[in-house]
Amino acid sequence: MPQGSWVGPLVFIVLIDDLSTGCPLHKYVDVTTLSELVQPKQLDTHILTYLAELLTWAAHNGMEINTSKTKEMVFGRLANTNLPLPNIASQTVERVTTYKLLGGLV
């Protein structure tokens, strides 16, 4: 499929249609965002489990996660805690406070 064709994004969306990790997913073309809402009185997160499920799905479907574009962003009270940083293929995921996502700033 030639890069820049209008069919490429559609084919990719069809290929990732069955992607599921147990948390809300936001899929747009070749970008997938995992989300988790942690309740105010709950200070534990399951995002590492969801990330492991994503990596398993990617391996089973012959896809690779671009670790240089993978970021973690934490909002609210958890942002001030020392949560462990996720790892993908022995590379630590960078934690950021802002990130440009699909042309917009998050």
PDB file of N, CA and C in Angstrom:
ATOM      1  N   MET A   1       0.839  -1.164   0.000  1.00  0.00           N
ATOM      2  CA  MET A   1       0.000   0.000   0.000  1.00  0.00           C
ATOM      3  C   MET A   1       0.893   1.239   0.000  1.00  0.00           C
ATOM      4  N   PRO A   2       0.764   2.122  -0.977  1.00  0.00           N
ATOM      5  CA  PRO A   2       1.599   3.316  -1.015  1.00  0.00           C
ATOM      6  C   PRO A   2       1.309   4.245   0.169  1.00  0.00           C
ATOM      7  N   GLN A   3       2.392   4.777   0.750  1.00  0.00           N
ATOM      8  CA  GLN A   3       2.220   5.715   1.855  1.00  0.00           C
ATOM      9  C   GLN A   3       1.530   6.965   1.337  1.00  0.00           C
ATOM     10  N   GLY A   4       0.579   7.469   2.112  1.00  0.00           N
ATOM     11  CA  GLY A   4      -0.148   8.658   1.720  1.00  0.00           C
ATOM     12  C   GLY A   4      -1.429   8.369   0.962  1.00  0.00           C
ATOM     13  N   SER A   5      -1.703   7.098   0.651  1.00  0.00           N
ATOM     14  CA  SER A   5      -2.953   6.788  -0.050  1.00  0.00           C
ATOM     15  C   SER A   5      -4.118   6.869   0.934  1.00  0.00           C
ATOM     16  N   TRP A   6      -5.306   7.105   0.436  1.00  0.00           N
ATOM     17  CA  TRP A   6      -6.477   7.209   1.305  1.00  0.00           C
ATOM     18  C   TRP A   6      -6.939   5.837   1.778  1.00  0.00           C
ATOM     19  N   VAL A   7      -6.531   4.778   1.088  1.00  0.00           N
ATOM     20  CA  VAL A   7      -6.943   3.424   1.462  1.00  0.00           C
ATOM     21  C   VAL A   7      -6.116   2.906   2.648  1.00  0.00           C
ATOM     22  N   GLY A   8      -4.863   3.365   2.788  1.00  0.00           N
ATOM     23  CA  GLY A   8      -3.980   2.883   3.854  1.00  0.00           C
ATOM     24  C   GLY A   8      -4.561   3.009   5.244  1.00  0.00           C
ATOM     25  N   PRO A   9      -5.034   4.199   5.650  1.00  0.00           N
ATOM     26  CA  PRO A   9      -5.622   4.330   6.986  1.00  0.00           C
ATOM     27  C   PRO A   9      -6.841   3.437   7.196  1.00  0.00           C
ATOM     28  N   LEU A  10      -7.662   3.291   6.166  1.00  0.00           N
ATOM     29  CA  LEU A  10      -8.843   2.442   6.274  1.00  0.00           C
ATOM     30  C   LEU A  10      -8.448   0.981   6.497  1.00  0.00           C
ATOM     31  N   VAL A  11      -7.468   0.517   5.755  1.00  0.00           N
ATOM     32  CA  VAL A  11      -6.994  -0.862   5.915  1.00  0.00           C
ATOM     33  C   VAL A  11      -6.423  -1.064   7.315  1.00  0.00           C
ATOM     34  N   PHE A  12      -5.678  -0.101   7.807  1.00  0.00           N
ATOM     35  CA  PHE A  12      -5.102  -0.221   9.147  1.00  0.00           C
ATOM     36  C   PHE A  12      -6.197  -0.291  10.202  1.00  0.00           C
ATOM     37  N   ILE A  13      -7.223   0.537  10.077  1.00  0.00           N
ATOM     38  CA  ILE A  13      -8.326   0.514  11.044  1.00  0.00           C
ATOM     39  C   ILE A  13      -9.020  -0.842  11.027  1.00  0.00           C
ATOM     40  N   VAL A  14      -9.184  -1.433   9.857  1.00  0.00           N
ATOM     41  CA  VAL A  14      -9.777  -2.773   9.769  1.00  0.00           C
ATOM     42  C   VAL A  14      -8.871  -3.794  10.467  1.00  0.00           C
ATOM     43  N   LEU A  15      -7.559  -3.665  10.303  1.00  0.00           N
ATOM     44  CA  LEU A  15      -6.619  -4.598  10.922  1.00  0.00           C
ATOM     45  C   LEU A  15      -6.628  -4.516  12.451  1.00  0.00           C
ATOM     46  N   ILE A  16      -6.871  -3.344  13.010  1.00  0.00           N
ATOM     47  CA  ILE A  16      -6.846  -3.209  14.466  1.00  0.00           C
ATOM     48  C   ILE A  16      -8.244  -3.214  15.081  1.00  0.00           C
ATOM     49  N   ASP A  17      -9.251  -3.541  14.294  1.00  0.00           N
ATOM     50  CA  ASP A  17     -10.630  -3.504  14.786  1.00  0.00           C
ATOM     51  C   ASP A  17     -10.834  -4.404  16.010  1.00  0.00           C
ATOM     52  N   ASP A  18     -10.158  -5.540  16.082  1.00  0.00           N
ATOM     53  CA  ASP A  18     -10.349  -6.469  17.204  1.00  0.00           C
ATOM     54  C   ASP A  18      -9.455  -6.168  18.404  1.00  0.00           C
ATOM     55  N   LEU A  19      -8.697  -5.092  18.361  1.00  0.00           N
ATOM     56  CA  LEU A  19      -7.821  -4.725  19.470  1.00  0.00           C
ATOM     57  C   LEU A  19      -8.654  -4.375  20.697  1.00  0.00           C
ATOM     58  N   SER A  20      -8.377  -5.065  21.796  1.00  0.00           N
ATOM     59  CA  SER A  20      -9.078  -4.827  23.055  1.00  0.00           C
ATOM     60  C   SER A  20      -8.104  -5.100  24.190  1.00  0.00           C
ATOM     61  N   THR A  21      -8.128  -4.259  25.224  1.00  0.00           N
ATOM     62  CA  THR A  21      -7.189  -4.430  26.331  1.00  0.00           C
ATOM     63  C   THR A  21      -7.845  -4.403  27.702  1.00  0.00           C
ATOM     64  N   GLY A  22      -9.149  -4.225  27.775  1.00  0.00           N
ATOM     65  CA  GLY A  22      -9.811  -4.149  29.068  1.00  0.00           C
ATOM     66  C   GLY A  22      -9.968  -2.737  29.582  1.00  0.00           C
ATOM     67  N   CYS A  23      -9.461  -1.750  28.857  1.00  0.00           N
ATOM     68  CA  CYS A  23      -9.633  -0.350  29.243  1.00  0.00           C
ATOM     69  C   CYS A  23     -10.135   0.408  28.016  1.00  0.00           C
ATOM     70  N   PRO A  24     -10.641   1.617  28.211  1.00  0.00           N
ATOM     71  CA  PRO A  24     -11.091   2.391  27.051  1.00  0.00           C
ATOM     72  C   PRO A  24      -9.940   2.647  26.072  1.00  0.00           C
ATOM     73  N   LEU A  25     -10.202   2.388  24.802  1.00  0.00           N
ATOM     74  CA  LEU A  25      -9.233   2.617  23.730  1.00  0.00           C
ATOM     75  C   LEU A  25      -9.768   3.692  22.802  1.00  0.00           C
ATOM     76  N   HIS A  26      -8.874   4.518  22.318  1.00  0.00           N
ATOM     77  CA  HIS A  26      -9.224   5.528  21.338  1.00  0.00           C
ATOM     78  C   HIS A  26      -8.328   5.253  20.133  1.00  0.00           C
ATOM     79  N   LYS A  27      -8.933   4.804  19.031  1.00  0.00           N
ATOM     80  CA  LYS A  27      -8.174   4.428  17.837  1.00  0.00           C
ATOM     81  C   LYS A  27      -8.463   5.432  16.731  1.00  0.00           C
ATOM     82  N   TYR A  28      -7.397   5.929  16.141  1.00  0.00           N
ATOM     83  CA  TYR A  28      -7.535   6.822  14.999  1.00  0.00           C
ATOM     84  C   TYR A  28      -6.354   6.596  14.081  1.00  0.00           C
ATOM     85  N   VAL A  29      -6.631   6.122  12.901  1.00  0.00           N
ATOM     86  CA  VAL A  29      -5.632   5.767  11.900  1.00  0.00           C
ATOM     87  C   VAL A  29      -4.578   4.886  12.560  1.00  0.00           C
ATOM     88  N   ASP A  30      -3.327   5.334  12.689  1.00  0.00           N
ATOM     89  CA  ASP A  30      -2.297   4.462  13.263  1.00  0.00           C
ATOM     90  C   ASP A  30      -1.940   4.856  14.694  1.00  0.00           C
ATOM     91  N   VAL A  31      -2.829   5.572  15.368  1.00  0.00           N
ATOM     92  CA  VAL A  31      -2.595   5.991  16.748  1.00  0.00           C
ATOM     93  C   VAL A  31      -3.640   5.334  17.640  1.00  0.00           C
ATOM     94  N   THR A  32      -3.182   4.695  18.699  1.00  0.00           N
ATOM     95  CA  THR A  32      -4.088   4.107  19.676  1.00  0.00           C
ATOM     96  C   THR A  32      -3.727   4.656  21.042  1.00  0.00           C
ATOM     97  N   THR A  33      -4.736   5.114  21.765  1.00  0.00           N
ATOM     98  CA  THR A  33      -4.533   5.681  23.087  1.00  0.00           C
ATOM     99  C   THR A  33      -5.265   4.816  24.110  1.00  0.00           C
ATOM    100  N   LEU A  34      -4.541   4.376  25.135  1.00  0.00           N
ATOM    101  CA  LEU A  34      -5.143   3.643  26.240  1.00  0.00           C
ATOM    102  C   LEU A  34      -5.516   4.652  27.317  1.00  0.00           C
ATOM    103  N   SER A  35      -6.684   4.479  27.935  1.00  0.00           N
ATOM    104  CA  SER A  35      -7.124   5.386  28.992  1.00  0.00           C
ATOM    105  C   SER A  35      -7.540   4.584  30.212  1.00  0.00           C
ATOM    106  N   GLU A  36      -7.322   5.177  31.360  1.00  0.00           N
ATOM    107  CA  GLU A  36      -7.793   4.565  32.596  1.00  0.00           C
ATOM    108  C   GLU A  36      -8.229   5.670  33.544  1.00  0.00           C
ATOM    109  N   LEU A  37      -9.421   5.520  34.081  1.00  0.00           N
ATOM    110  CA  LEU A  37      -9.920   6.456  35.084  1.00  0.00           C
ATOM    111  C   LEU A  37      -9.717   5.798  36.441  1.00  0.00           C
ATOM    112  N   VAL A  38      -8.923   6.441  37.276  1.00  0.00           N
ATOM    113  CA  VAL A  38      -8.666   5.935  38.623  1.00  0.00           C
ATOM    114  C   VAL A  38      -9.528   6.746  39.572  1.00  0.00           C
ATOM    115  N   GLN A  39     -10.328   6.064  40.357  1.00  0.00           N
ATOM    116  CA  GLN A  39     -11.249   6.733  41.277  1.00  0.00           C
ATOM    117  C   GLN A  39     -10.474   7.512  42.341  1.00  0.00           C
ATOM    118  N   PRO A  40     -11.056   8.607  42.857  1.00  0.00           N
ATOM    119  CA  PRO A  40     -10.342   9.471  43.812  1.00  0.00           C
ATOM    120  C   PRO A  40      -9.781   8.750  45.037  1.00  0.00           C
ATOM    121  N   LYS A  41     -10.505   7.793  45.585  1.00  0.00           N
ATOM    122  CA  LYS A  41     -10.021   7.097  46.786  1.00  0.00           C
ATOM    123  C   LYS A  41      -9.148   5.899  46.458  1.00  0.00           C
ATOM    124  N   GLN A  42      -8.991   5.622  45.185  1.00  0.00           N
ATOM    125  CA  GLN A  42      -8.200   4.479  44.728  1.00  0.00           C
ATOM    126  C   GLN A  42      -6.891   5.008  44.165  1.00  0.00           C
ATOM    127  N   LEU A  43      -5.783   4.556  44.683  1.00  0.00           N
ATOM    128  CA  LEU A  43      -4.497   5.048  44.190  1.00  0.00           C
ATOM    129  C   LEU A  43      -3.725   4.006  43.396  1.00  0.00           C
ATOM    130  N   ASP A  44      -4.362   2.887  43.069  1.00  0.00           N
ATOM    131  CA  ASP A  44      -3.654   1.900  42.255  1.00  0.00           C
ATOM    132  C   ASP A  44      -4.163   1.963  40.824  1.00  0.00           C
ATOM    133  N   THR A  45      -3.293   1.612  39.917  1.00  0.00           N
ATOM    134  CA  THR A  45      -3.595   1.674  38.492  1.00  0.00           C
ATOM    135  C   THR A  45      -3.363   0.304  37.864  1.00  0.00           C
ATOM    136  N   HIS A  46      -4.102   0.045  36.813  1.00  0.00           N
ATOM    137  CA  HIS A  46      -3.972  -1.228  36.092  1.00  0.00           C
ATOM    138  C   HIS A  46      -3.389  -1.011  34.701  1.00  0.00           C
ATOM    139  N   ILE A  47      -2.837   0.147  34.444  1.00  0.00           N
ATOM    140  CA  ILE A  47      -2.373   0.483  33.098  1.00  0.00           C
ATOM    141  C   ILE A  47      -1.251  -0.451  32.630  1.00  0.00           C
ATOM    142  N   LEU A  48      -0.432  -0.953  33.558  1.00  0.00           N
ATOM    143  CA  LEU A  48       0.631  -1.889  33.160  1.00  0.00           C
ATOM    144  C   LEU A  48       0.030  -3.194  32.631  1.00  0.00           C
ATOM    145  N   THR A  49      -1.077  -3.630  33.223  1.00  0.00           N
ATOM    146  CA  THR A  49      -1.769  -4.822  32.735  1.00  0.00           C
ATOM    147  C   THR A  49      -2.345  -4.564  31.351  1.00  0.00           C
ATOM    148  N   TYR A  50      -2.964  -3.400  31.167  1.00  0.00           N
ATOM    149  CA  TYR A  50      -3.527  -3.056  29.858  1.00  0.00           C
ATOM    150  C   TYR A  50      -2.436  -2.957  28.797  1.00  0.00           C
ATOM    151  N   LEU A  51      -1.302  -2.403  29.171  1.00  0.00           N
ATOM    152  CA  LEU A  51      -0.177  -2.307  28.234  1.00  0.00           C
ATOM    153  C   LEU A  51       0.329  -3.696  27.864  1.00  0.00           C
ATOM    154  N   ALA A  52       0.402  -4.601  28.832  1.00  0.00           N
ATOM    155  CA  ALA A  52       0.826  -5.981  28.552  1.00  0.00           C
ATOM    156  C   ALA A  52      -0.147  -6.656  27.587  1.00  0.00           C
ATOM    157  N   GLU A  53      -1.444  -6.412  27.758  1.00  0.00           N
ATOM    158  CA  GLU A  53      -2.443  -6.970  26.847  1.00  0.00           C
ATOM    159  C   GLU A  53      -2.271  -6.396  25.440  1.00  0.00           C
ATOM    160  N   LEU A  54      -1.958  -5.110  25.342  1.00  0.00           N
ATOM    161  CA  LEU A  54      -1.702  -4.485  24.047  1.00  0.00           C
ATOM    162  C   LEU A  54      -0.487  -5.111  23.371  1.00  0.00           C
ATOM    163  N   LEU A  55       0.577  -5.315  24.128  1.00  0.00           N
ATOM    164  CA  LEU A  55       1.793  -5.914  23.572  1.00  0.00           C
ATOM    165  C   LEU A  55       1.544  -7.349  23.119  1.00  0.00           C
ATOM    166  N   THR A  56       0.757  -8.090  23.879  1.00  0.00           N
ATOM    167  CA  THR A  56       0.415  -9.469  23.487  1.00  0.00           C
ATOM    168  C   THR A  56      -0.380  -9.461  22.190  1.00  0.00           C
ATOM    169  N   TRP A  57      -1.369  -8.573  22.103  1.00  0.00           N
ATOM    170  CA  TRP A  57      -2.173  -8.469  20.878  1.00  0.00           C
ATOM    171  C   TRP A  57      -1.280  -8.118  19.687  1.00  0.00           C
ATOM    172  N   ALA A  58      -0.389  -7.153  19.873  1.00  0.00           N
ATOM    173  CA  ALA A  58       0.498  -6.732  18.783  1.00  0.00           C
ATOM    174  C   ALA A  58       1.378  -7.894  18.316  1.00  0.00           C
ATOM    175  N   ALA A  59       1.928  -8.657  19.257  1.00  0.00           N
ATOM    176  CA  ALA A  59       2.779  -9.795  18.899  1.00  0.00           C
ATOM    177  C   ALA A  59       1.987 -10.849  18.125  1.00  0.00           C
ATOM    178  N   HIS A  60       0.763 -11.119  18.547  1.00  0.00           N
ATOM    179  CA  HIS A  60      -0.075 -12.121  17.876  1.00  0.00           C
ATOM    180  C   HIS A  60      -0.507 -11.677  16.488  1.00  0.00           C
ATOM    181  N   ASN A  61      -0.505 -10.383  16.250  1.00  0.00           N
ATOM    182  CA  ASN A  61      -0.954  -9.847  14.967  1.00  0.00           C
ATOM    183  C   ASN A  61       0.187  -9.321  14.104  1.00  0.00           C
ATOM    184  N   GLY A  62       1.422  -9.633  14.481  1.00  0.00           N
ATOM    185  CA  GLY A  62       2.578  -9.262  13.672  1.00  0.00           C
ATOM    186  C   GLY A  62       2.820  -7.771  13.602  1.00  0.00           C
ATOM    187  N   MET A  63       2.459  -7.049  14.660  1.00  0.00           N
ATOM    188  CA  MET A  63       2.665  -5.601  14.673  1.00  0.00           C
ATOM    189  C   MET A  63       3.643  -5.230  15.773  1.00  0.00           C
ATOM    190  N   GLU A  64       4.308  -4.108  15.593  1.00  0.00           N
ATOM    191  CA  GLU A  64       5.255  -3.608  16.588  1.00  0.00           C
ATOM    192  C   GLU A  64       4.774  -2.268  17.120  1.00  0.00           C
ATOM    193  N   ILE A  65       5.042  -2.036  18.388  1.00  0.00           N
ATOM    194  CA  ILE A  65       4.733  -0.752  19.003  1.00  0.00           C
ATOM    195  C   ILE A  65       5.942   0.160  18.797  1.00  0.00           C
ATOM    196  N   ASN A  66       5.709   1.362  18.314  1.00  0.00           N
ATOM    197  CA  ASN A  66       6.789   2.319  18.123  1.00  0.00           C
ATOM    198  C   ASN A  66       7.118   2.918  19.489  1.00  0.00           C
ATOM    199  N   THR A  67       8.163   2.404  20.115  1.00  0.00           N
ATOM    200  CA  THR A  67       8.495   2.827  21.473  1.00  0.00           C
ATOM    201  C   THR A  67       8.930   4.281  21.550  1.00  0.00           C
ATOM    202  N   SER A  68       9.461   4.832  20.468  1.00  0.00           N
ATOM    203  CA  SER A  68       9.882   6.240  20.518  1.00  0.00           C
ATOM    204  C   SER A  68       8.685   7.190  20.531  1.00  0.00           C
ATOM    205  N   LYS A  69       7.533   6.722  20.090  1.00  0.00           N
ATOM    206  CA  LYS A  69       6.330   7.556  20.096  1.00  0.00           C
ATOM    207  C   LYS A  69       5.389   7.198  21.238  1.00  0.00           C
ATOM    208  N   THR A  70       5.745   6.220  22.041  1.00  0.00           N
ATOM    209  CA  THR A  70       4.902   5.800  23.153  1.00  0.00           C
ATOM    210  C   THR A  70       5.195   6.664  24.367  1.00  0.00           C
ATOM    211  N   LYS A  71       4.160   7.276  24.911  1.00  0.00           N
ATOM    212  CA  LYS A  71       4.298   8.177  26.058  1.00  0.00           C
ATOM    213  C   LYS A  71       3.268   7.804  27.116  1.00  0.00           C
ATOM    214  N   GLU A  72       3.546   8.193  28.347  1.00  0.00           N
ATOM    215  CA  GLU A  72       2.580   8.045  29.428  1.00  0.00           C
ATOM    216  C   GLU A  72       2.296   9.427  29.992  1.00  0.00           C
ATOM    217  N   MET A  73       1.016   9.696  30.212  1.00  0.00           N
ATOM    218  CA  MET A  73       0.621  10.970  30.799  1.00  0.00           C
ATOM    219  C   MET A  73      -0.316  10.668  31.964  1.00  0.00           C
ATOM    220  N   VAL A  74      -0.017  11.244  33.114  1.00  0.00           N
ATOM    221  CA  VAL A  74      -0.810  11.017  34.323  1.00  0.00           C
ATOM    222  C   VAL A  74      -1.404  12.352  34.750  1.00  0.00           C
ATOM    223  N   PHE A  75      -2.710  12.348  35.022  1.00  0.00           N
ATOM    224  CA  PHE A  75      -3.412  13.558  35.451  1.00  0.00           C
ATOM    225  C   PHE A  75      -3.854  13.412  36.902  1.00  0.00           C
ATOM    226  N   GLY A  76      -4.109  14.523  37.558  1.00  0.00           N
ATOM    227  CA  GLY A  76      -4.709  14.509  38.888  1.00  0.00           C
ATOM    228  C   GLY A  76      -3.731  14.155  39.991  1.00  0.00           C
ATOM    229  N   ARG A  77      -4.275  13.600  41.085  1.00  0.00           N
ATOM    230  CA  ARG A  77      -3.470  13.293  42.260  1.00  0.00           C
ATOM    231  C   ARG A  77      -2.369  12.264  41.987  1.00  0.00           C
ATOM    232  N   LEU A  78      -2.620  11.337  41.081  1.00  0.00           N
ATOM    233  CA  LEU A  78      -1.597  10.319  40.784  1.00  0.00           C
ATOM    234  C   LEU A  78      -0.367  10.916  40.113  1.00  0.00           C
ATOM    235  N   ALA A  79      -0.499  12.083  39.518  1.00  0.00           N
ATOM    236  CA  ALA A  79       0.637  12.712  38.845  1.00  0.00           C
ATOM    237  C   ALA A  79       1.745  13.055  39.834  1.00  0.00           C
ATOM    238  N   ASN A  80       1.396  13.223  41.094  1.00  0.00           N
ATOM    239  CA  ASN A  80       2.383  13.580  42.115  1.00  0.00           C
ATOM    240  C   ASN A  80       2.913  12.379  42.892  1.00  0.00           C
ATOM    241  N   THR A  81       2.589  11.177  42.447  1.00  0.00           N
ATOM    242  CA  THR A  81       3.068   9.973  43.124  1.00  0.00           C
ATOM    243  C   THR A  81       4.202   9.349  42.319  1.00  0.00           C
ATOM    244  N   ASN A  82       4.870   8.408  42.910  1.00  0.00           N
ATOM    245  CA  ASN A  82       5.996   7.734  42.234  1.00  0.00           C
ATOM    246  C   ASN A  82       5.531   6.421  41.608  1.00  0.00           C
ATOM    247  N   LEU A  83       4.669   6.501  40.626  1.00  0.00           N
ATOM    248  CA  LEU A  83       4.220   5.315  39.909  1.00  0.00           C
ATOM    249  C   LEU A  83       5.383   4.746  39.106  1.00  0.00           C
ATOM    250  N   PRO A  84       5.450   3.415  38.995  1.00  0.00           N
ATOM    251  CA  PRO A  84       6.517   2.846  38.164  1.00  0.00           C
ATOM    252  C   PRO A  84       6.299   3.189  36.696  1.00  0.00           C
ATOM    253  N   LEU A  85       7.379   3.418  35.984  1.00  0.00           N
ATOM    254  CA  LEU A  85       7.293   3.699  34.549  1.00  0.00           C
ATOM    255  C   LEU A  85       7.178   2.386  33.789  1.00  0.00           C
ATOM    256  N   PRO A  86       6.288   2.321  32.814  1.00  0.00           N
ATOM    257  CA  PRO A  86       6.164   1.104  32.009  1.00  0.00           C
ATOM    258  C   PRO A  86       7.401   0.880  31.140  1.00  0.00           C
ATOM    259  N   ASN A  87       7.622  -0.366  30.748  1.00  0.00           N
ATOM    260  CA  ASN A  87       8.705  -0.740  29.834  1.00  0.00           C
ATOM    261  C   ASN A  87       8.123  -1.468  28.640  1.00  0.00           C
ATOM    262  N   ILE A  88       8.670  -1.191  27.477  1.00  0.00           N
ATOM    263  CA  ILE A  88       8.336  -1.924  26.260  1.00  0.00           C
ATOM    264  C   ILE A  88       9.647  -2.348  25.637  1.00  0.00           C
ATOM    265  N   ALA A  89       9.829  -3.651  25.481  1.00  0.00           N
ATOM    266  CA  ALA A  89      11.053  -4.191  24.874  1.00  0.00           C
ATOM    267  C   ALA A  89      12.294  -3.615  25.543  1.00  0.00           C
ATOM    268  N   SER A  90      12.305  -3.630  26.864  1.00  0.00           N
ATOM    269  CA  SER A  90      13.422  -3.155  27.680  1.00  0.00           C
ATOM    270  C   SER A  90      13.672  -1.653  27.562  1.00  0.00           C
ATOM    271  N   GLN A  91      12.747  -0.916  27.010  1.00  0.00           N
ATOM    272  CA  GLN A  91      12.872   0.535  26.931  1.00  0.00           C
ATOM    273  C   GLN A  91      11.811   1.164  27.830  1.00  0.00           C
ATOM    274  N   THR A  92      12.234   2.063  28.688  1.00  0.00           N
ATOM    275  CA  THR A  92      11.316   2.739  29.590  1.00  0.00           C
ATOM    276  C   THR A  92      10.484   3.755  28.822  1.00  0.00           C
ATOM    277  N   VAL A  93       9.183   3.738  29.063  1.00  0.00           N
ATOM    278  CA  VAL A  93       8.275   4.684  28.428  1.00  0.00           C
ATOM    279  C   VAL A  93       8.444   6.037  29.113  1.00  0.00           C
ATOM    280  N   GLU A  94       8.535   7.082  28.321  1.00  0.00           N
ATOM    281  CA  GLU A  94       8.714   8.433  28.853  1.00  0.00           C
ATOM    282  C   GLU A  94       7.397   8.956  29.418  1.00  0.00           C
ATOM    283  N   ARG A  95       7.449   9.528  30.617  1.00  0.00           N
ATOM    284  CA  ARG A  95       6.279  10.185  31.217  1.00  0.00           C
ATOM    285  C   ARG A  95       6.346  11.664  30.860  1.00  0.00           C
ATOM    286  N   VAL A  96       5.254  12.188  30.304  1.00  0.00           N
ATOM    287  CA  VAL A  96       5.223  13.576  29.851  1.00  0.00           C
ATOM    288  C   VAL A  96       4.068  14.327  30.509  1.00  0.00           C
ATOM    289  N   THR A  97       4.139  15.647  30.487  1.00  0.00           N
ATOM    290  CA  THR A  97       3.049  16.465  31.003  1.00  0.00           C
ATOM    291  C   THR A  97       2.223  17.069  29.878  1.00  0.00           C
ATOM    292  N   THR A  98       2.776  17.135  28.668  1.00  0.00           N
ATOM    293  CA  THR A  98       2.040  17.546  27.470  1.00  0.00           C
ATOM    294  C   THR A  98       2.498  16.667  26.322  1.00  0.00           C
ATOM    295  N   TYR A  99       1.624  16.528  25.330  1.00  0.00           N
ATOM    296  CA  TYR A  99       1.966  15.709  24.180  1.00  0.00           C
ATOM    297  C   TYR A  99       1.100  16.130  23.006  1.00  0.00           C
ATOM    298  N   LYS A 100       1.689  16.265  21.824  1.00  0.00           N
ATOM    299  CA  LYS A 100       0.921  16.606  20.624  1.00  0.00           C
ATOM    300  C   LYS A 100       0.337  15.324  20.052  1.00  0.00           C
ATOM    301  N   LEU A 101      -0.980  15.245  20.077  1.00  0.00           N
ATOM    302  CA  LEU A 101      -1.686  14.045  19.627  1.00  0.00           C
ATOM    303  C   LEU A 101      -2.590  14.403  18.468  1.00  0.00           C
ATOM    304  N   LEU A 102      -2.308  13.880  17.302  1.00  0.00           N
ATOM    305  CA  LEU A 102      -3.111  14.098  16.105  1.00  0.00           C
ATOM    306  C   LEU A 102      -3.344  15.578  15.818  1.00  0.00           C
ATOM    307  N   GLY A 103      -2.287  16.351  15.966  1.00  0.00           N
ATOM    308  CA  GLY A 103      -2.363  17.754  15.614  1.00  0.00           C
ATOM    309  C   GLY A 103      -2.846  18.663  16.734  1.00  0.00           C
ATOM    310  N   GLY A 104      -3.312  18.070  17.832  1.00  0.00           N
ATOM    311  CA  GLY A 104      -3.783  18.874  18.958  1.00  0.00           C
ATOM    312  C   GLY A 104      -2.883  18.654  20.167  1.00  0.00           C
ATOM    313  N   LEU A 105      -2.924  19.533  21.092  1.00  0.00           N
ATOM    314  CA  LEU A 105      -2.107  19.412  22.288  1.00  0.00           C
ATOM    315  C   LEU A 105      -2.951  18.850  23.411  1.00  0.00           C
ATOM    316  N   VAL A 106      -2.437  17.820  24.085  1.00  0.00           N
ATOM    317  CA  VAL A 106      -3.147  17.203  25.203  1.00  0.00           C
ATOM    318  C   VAL A 106      -2.485  17.638  26.480  1.00  0.00           C
TER     319      VAL A 106
END
